Amino acid sequence: MGRPASTLVRAVRHVGWYWASLLGDNHYQRYVEYRRRAHPGEPVLSERDYWRRRHEADPGVRCC
């Protein structure tokens, strides 16, 4: 793979990451990483509970 191809792959990955951030796809993963780093040994919410609490805290965020 040449340099232009590797640059294109990197650019596509960055766009994918940005798109996932906009849609909220990586919010739970960021939460898990934060909890493990800031509060080691403490329990981490399941993904289902995380989203439930997130929507309960700010019901205006939901689209439907």
Protein backbone atom coordinates (compact mmCIF):
# COMPACT_ATOMS: atom_id res chain seq x y z
CA MET A 1 0.00 0.00 0.00
CA GLY A 2 1.47 3.31 -1.08
CA ARG A 3 1.45 6.58 0.76
CA PRO A 4 -1.67 8.00 -0.96
CA ALA A 5 -3.60 4.84 -0.14
CA SER A 6 -2.55 4.90 3.53
CA THR A 7 -3.51 8.58 3.72
CA LEU A 8 -6.91 7.75 2.26
CA VAL A 9 -7.42 4.90 4.76
CA ARG A 10 -6.52 7.23 7.63
CA ALA A 11 -8.91 9.88 6.34
CA VAL A 12 -11.75 7.36 6.04
CA ARG A 13 -11.13 6.18 9.61
CA HIS A 14 -11.25 9.75 10.89
CA VAL A 15 -14.51 10.43 9.05
CA GLY A 16 -15.94 7.18 10.47
CA TRP A 17 -14.93 8.16 13.99
CA TYR A 18 -16.44 11.65 13.56
CA TRP A 19 -19.69 10.24 12.16
CA ALA A 20 -19.94 7.74 15.03
CA SER A 21 -19.39 10.59 17.50
CA LEU A 22 -22.19 12.63 15.96
CA LEU A 23 -24.59 9.70 16.14
CA GLY A 24 -23.56 8.72 19.65
CA ASP A 25 -22.22 5.31 18.66
CA ASN A 26 -19.08 5.67 20.77
CA HIS A 27 -20.55 7.43 23.83
CA TYR A 28 -20.90 4.22 25.82
CA GLN A 29 -17.34 3.13 25.00
CA ARG A 30 -16.01 6.53 26.11
CA TYR A 31 -18.05 6.21 29.34
CA VAL A 32 -16.55 2.75 30.03
CA GLU A 33 -13.01 4.00 29.39
CA TYR A 34 -13.58 6.99 31.68
CA ARG A 35 -15.07 4.88 34.50
CA ARG A 36 -12.20 2.39 34.39
CA ARG A 37 -9.61 5.17 34.36
CA ALA A 38 -11.20 7.51 36.94
CA HIS A 39 -12.91 4.97 39.19
CA PRO A 40 -10.98 1.69 38.97
CA GLY A 41 -12.62 -1.24 40.71
CA GLU A 42 -16.07 0.36 40.76
CA PRO A 43 -18.92 -1.18 38.77
CA VAL A 44 -19.69 0.03 35.26
CA LEU A 45 -23.27 0.34 34.01
CA SER A 46 -24.38 -2.05 31.30
CA GLU A 47 -24.87 -0.39 27.93
CA ARG A 48 -28.63 -0.68 28.30
CA ASP A 49 -28.61 0.99 31.73
CA TYR A 50 -26.21 3.65 30.51
CA TRP A 51 -28.56 4.72 27.69
CA ARG A 52 -31.62 4.53 29.94
CA ARG A 53 -30.04 6.85 32.50
CA ARG A 54 -28.71 9.16 29.84
CA HIS A 55 -32.17 9.63 28.31
CA GLU A 56 -33.83 10.00 31.71
CA ALA A 57 -31.36 12.75 32.63
CA ASP A 58 -32.09 14.76 29.48
CA PRO A 59 -35.31 13.68 27.77
CA GLY A 60 -35.07 16.53 25.25
CA VAL A 61 -32.16 14.77 23.53
CA ARG A 62 -34.31 11.99 22.07
CA CYS A 63 -35.61 12.39 18.57
CA CYS A 64 -38.81 10.39 19.06
